[in-house]
C-alpha atoms as a PDB file:
ATOM      1  CA  MET A   1       4.354 205.225 153.923  1.00  0.00           C
ATOM      2  CA  THR A   2       0.723 206.344 152.603  1.00  0.00           C
ATOM      3  CA  SER A   3      -1.536 207.466 155.377  1.00  0.00           C
ATOM      4  CA  PRO A   4      -1.408 211.191 155.968  1.00  0.00           C
ATOM      5  CA  ALA A   5      -1.975 210.424 159.749  1.00  0.00           C
ATOM      6  CA  ARG A   6       0.625 207.764 159.924  1.00  0.00           C
ATOM      7  CA  ALA A   7       3.377 210.018 158.309  1.00  0.00           C
ATOM      8  CA  ARG A   8       2.453 213.137 160.682  1.00  0.00           C
ATOM      9  CA  ALA A   9       2.473 210.558 163.949  1.00  0.00           C
ATOM     10  CA  LYS A  10       5.813 209.247 162.745  1.00  0.00           C
ATOM     11  CA  ALA A  11       7.015 212.569 162.043  1.00  0.00           C
ATOM     12  CA  ALA A  12       6.533 213.790 165.802  1.00  0.00           C
ATOM     13  CA  GLN A  13       8.010 210.303 166.924  1.00  0.00           C
ATOM     14  CA  VAL A  14      11.122 211.323 164.936  1.00  0.00           C
ATOM     15  CA  PRO A  15      11.650 214.686 163.518  1.00  0.00           C
ATOM     16  CA  ALA A  16      13.562 215.930 161.213  1.00  0.00           C
ATOM     17  CA  ALA A  17      15.882 219.191 159.679  1.00  0.00           C
ATOM     18  CA  TYR A  18      16.622 220.025 156.065  1.00  0.00           C
ATOM     19  CA  ALA A  19      20.013 221.734 155.484  1.00  0.00           C
ATOM     20  CA  ALA A  20      20.275 223.341 152.214  1.00  0.00           C
ATOM     21  CA  PHE A  21      23.778 224.193 150.687  1.00  0.00           C
ATOM     22  CA  ASP A  22      22.883 224.611 147.058  1.00  0.00           C
ATOM     23  CA  LEU A  23      20.096 226.149 144.642  1.00  0.00           C
ATOM     24  CA  LEU A  24      20.263 224.472 141.142  1.00  0.00           C
ATOM     25  CA  ALA A  25      17.649 226.508 140.133  1.00  0.00           C
ATOM     26  CA  THR A  26      14.360 228.758 141.376  1.00  0.00           C
ATOM     27  CA  GLY A  27      11.715 230.154 139.390  1.00  0.00           C
ATOM     28  CA  GLY A  28      11.856 228.298 136.734  1.00  0.00           C
ATOM     29  CA  VAL A  29      15.418 229.456 136.267  1.00  0.00           C
ATOM     30  CA  ASP A  30      17.825 226.825 136.123  1.00  0.00           C
ATOM     31  CA  LEU A  31      21.286 227.787 138.210  1.00  0.00           C
ATOM     32  CA  ARG A  32      23.628 225.068 136.887  1.00  0.00           C
ATOM     33  CA  THR A  33      26.063 227.315 134.972  1.00  0.00           C
ATOM     34  CA  GLN A  34      26.661 229.715 137.156  1.00  0.00           C
ATOM     35  CA  ARG A  35      29.022 229.648 139.889  1.00  0.00           C
ATOM     36  CA  TRP A  36      28.723 228.266 143.488  1.00  0.00           C
ATOM     37  CA  THR A  37      29.420 231.778 144.706  1.00  0.00           C
ATOM     38  CA  VAL A  38      26.208 232.871 142.413  1.00  0.00           C
ATOM     39  CA  ARG A  39      24.045 229.980 143.623  1.00  0.00           C
ATOM     40  CA  ARG A  40      24.448 230.355 146.887  1.00  0.00           C
ATOM     41  CA  LYS A  41      23.286 234.033 147.333  1.00  0.00           C
ATOM     42  CA  ARG A  42      20.392 233.338 145.390  1.00  0.00           C
ATOM     43  CA  LEU A  43      20.073 230.194 148.228  1.00  0.00           C
ATOM     44  CA  GLU A  44      20.744 232.489 151.045  1.00  0.00           C
ATOM     45  CA  GLN A  45      17.919 234.975 149.839  1.00  0.00           C
ATOM     46  CA  LEU A  46      15.391 232.836 149.246  1.00  0.00           C
ATOM     47  CA  ALA A  47      15.965 231.271 152.646  1.00  0.00           C
ATOM     48  CA  ARG A  48      15.594 234.446 154.441  1.00  0.00           C
ATOM     49  CA  SER A  49      12.171 233.665 155.417  1.00  0.00           C
ATOM     50  CA  TRP A  50      12.551 229.824 156.404  1.00  0.00           C
ATOM     51  CA  VAL A  51      12.600 228.917 159.811  1.00  0.00           C
ATOM     52  CA  PRO A  52      13.366 225.253 161.588  1.00  0.00           C
ATOM     53  CA  PRO A  53      13.195 222.492 160.331  1.00  0.00           C
ATOM     54  CA  LEU A  54      14.497 224.698 156.881  1.00  0.00           C
ATOM     55  CA  GLN A  55      17.937 225.807 157.443  1.00  0.00           C
ATOM     56  CA  LEU A  56      21.056 226.611 155.503  1.00  0.00           C
ATOM     57  CA  THR A  57      24.353 225.161 156.239  1.00  0.00           C
ATOM     58  CA  PRO A  58      26.887 227.431 157.950  1.00  0.00           C
ATOM     59  CA  LEU A  59      29.529 227.877 155.471  1.00  0.00           C
ATOM     60  CA  THR A  60      33.434 228.564 156.376  1.00  0.00           C
ATOM     61  CA  ASP A  61      36.903 228.722 155.121  1.00  0.00           C
ATOM     62  CA  GLU A  62      38.780 227.600 158.503  1.00  0.00           C
ATOM     63  CA  ALA A  63      38.011 223.619 158.442  1.00  0.00           C
ATOM     64  CA  ARG A  64      40.286 222.398 160.860  1.00  0.00           C
ATOM     65  CA  GLU A  65      38.509 224.403 163.702  1.00  0.00           C
ATOM     66  CA  TRP A  66      35.295 222.662 162.130  1.00  0.00           C
ATOM     67  CA  PHE A  67      36.704 219.142 162.074  1.00  0.00           C
ATOM     68  CA  GLU A  68      38.233 219.459 166.008  1.00  0.00           C
ATOM     69  CA  VAL A  69      34.695 221.201 167.395  1.00  0.00           C
ATOM     70  CA  LEU A  70      31.644 219.663 165.518  1.00  0.00           C
ATOM     71  CA  PRO A  71      31.911 216.532 165.920  1.00  0.00           C
ATOM     72  CA  GLY A  72      31.995 216.190 169.288  1.00  0.00           C
ATOM     73  CA  ALA A  73      29.777 219.320 169.947  1.00  0.00           C
ATOM     74  CA  MET A  74      27.157 218.572 167.157  1.00  0.00           C
ATOM     75  CA  GLY A  75      27.456 215.448 165.792  1.00  0.00           C
ATOM     76  CA  VAL A  76      28.658 216.524 162.366  1.00  0.00           C
ATOM     77  CA  GLU A  77      29.981 213.293 160.338  1.00  0.00           C
ATOM     78  CA  GLY A  78      31.541 214.989 157.933  1.00  0.00           C
ATOM     79  CA  LEU A  79      32.278 218.145 155.543  1.00  0.00           C
ATOM     80  CA  VAL A  80      30.910 218.728 152.609  1.00  0.00           C
ATOM     81  CA  VAL A  81      34.094 220.813 150.536  1.00  0.00           C
ATOM     82  CA  LYS A  82      33.448 222.701 147.336  1.00  0.00           C
ATOM     83  CA  GLY A  83      35.527 225.410 145.283  1.00  0.00           C
ATOM     84  CA  THR A  84      33.660 228.692 145.265  1.00  0.00           C
ATOM     85  CA  ALA A  85      34.093 229.089 141.681  1.00  0.00           C
ATOM     86  CA  THR A  86      32.212 225.984 140.981  1.00  0.00           C
ATOM     87  CA  ARG A  87      29.463 224.934 138.604  1.00  0.00           C
ATOM     88  CA  TYR A  88      27.381 222.191 139.267  1.00  0.00           C
ATOM     89  CA  THR A  89      27.815 219.432 136.759  1.00  0.00           C
ATOM     90  CA  PRO A  90      24.994 216.556 136.699  1.00  0.00           C
ATOM     91  CA  GLY A  91      26.947 212.970 137.076  1.00  0.00           C
ATOM     92  CA  ARG A  92      30.626 214.175 138.151  1.00  0.00           C
ATOM     93  CA  ARG A  93      31.525 214.939 141.798  1.00  0.00           C
ATOM     94  CA  ASP A  94      34.872 216.396 140.740  1.00  0.00           C
ATOM     95  CA  ALA A  95      34.086 220.166 142.219  1.00  0.00           C
ATOM     96  CA  TRP A  96      33.389 219.000 145.380  1.00  0.00           C
ATOM     97  CA  MET A  97      34.476 216.116 148.302  1.00  0.00           C
ATOM     98  CA  LYS A  98      32.871 214.698 151.495  1.00  0.00           C
ATOM     99  CA  VAL A  99      35.343 214.951 153.889  1.00  0.00           C
ATOM    100  CA  ASN A 100      34.920 212.149 157.367  1.00  0.00           C
ATOM    101  CA  SER A 101      35.290 213.703 160.533  1.00  0.00           C
ATOM    102  CA  VAL A 102      38.640 212.104 162.003  1.00  0.00           C
ATOM    103  CA  GLY A 103      40.413 214.665 162.936  1.00  0.00           C
ATOM    104  CA  MET A 104      43.109 216.764 160.329  1.00  0.00           C
ATOM    105  CA  LYS A 105      46.131 214.374 160.695  1.00  0.00           C
ATOM    106  CA  GLY A 106      44.159 211.526 159.576  1.00  0.00           C
ATOM    107  CA  ALA A 107      41.582 213.041 157.110  1.00  0.00           C
ATOM    108  CA  ARG A 108      40.687 211.030 153.775  1.00  0.00           C
ATOM    109  CA  SER A 109      37.827 211.713 151.646  1.00  0.00           C
ATOM    110  CA  LEU A 110      35.055 209.432 150.269  1.00  0.00           C
ATOM    111  CA  THR A 111      36.990 209.743 147.536  1.00  0.00           C
ATOM    112  CA  GLY A 112      40.752 208.712 148.814  1.00  0.00           C
ATOM    113  CA  ALA A 113      42.170 212.010 148.826  1.00  0.00           C
ATOM    114  CA  SER A 114      44.376 213.217 152.111  1.00  0.00           C
ATOM    115  CA  ALA A 115      43.958 216.947 154.223  1.00  0.00           C
ATOM    116  CA  ALA A 116      47.026 218.127 151.794  1.00  0.00           C
ATOM    117  CA  GLU A 117      44.382 217.352 148.815  1.00  0.00           C
ATOM    118  CA  VAL A 118      41.390 219.231 150.156  1.00  0.00           C
ATOM    119  CA  ARG A 119      44.149 221.984 150.569  1.00  0.00           C
ATOM    120  CA  ARG A 120      45.333 221.671 147.130  1.00  0.00           C
ATOM    121  CA  ARG A 121      42.539 221.328 145.152  1.00  0.00           C
ATOM    122  CA  PHE A 122      40.068 223.721 147.238  1.00  0.00           C
ATOM    123  CA  LYS A 123      41.971 226.298 148.969  1.00  0.00           C
ATOM    124  CA  VAL A 124      41.258 225.653 152.175  1.00  0.00           C
ATOM    125  CA  SER A 125      42.700 227.149 154.831  1.00  0.00           C
ATOM    126  CA  TRP A 126      43.584 224.494 157.512  1.00  0.00           C
ATOM    127  CA  ARG A 127      46.018 226.946 160.152  1.00  0.00           C
END
């Protein structure tokens, strides 16, 4: 779409939101070598002034409840699971995985990992 007027009209018809979960750089400072917890804290500081449609993704260490509640209540497709001590590595996905919302008993990630592997790799609570 090249016309600003058409873009505004389409945005009014199909509103969108942007949910940020990580910050790789800010103010010309590369944060990729920092642990995820440091990057997230910087993102939260940056997001203090945001208003919808900009928003932060929520966080939890109890993923089972999210799998049981969010897909039905909000149409959430799945969760991104990251280790809090991980650093960003371009082109690699071994520090995170997306787990589809198919329920904890049969959960499989896009990389084929089971819920048990998610627990082991990221020390997530599945109570």
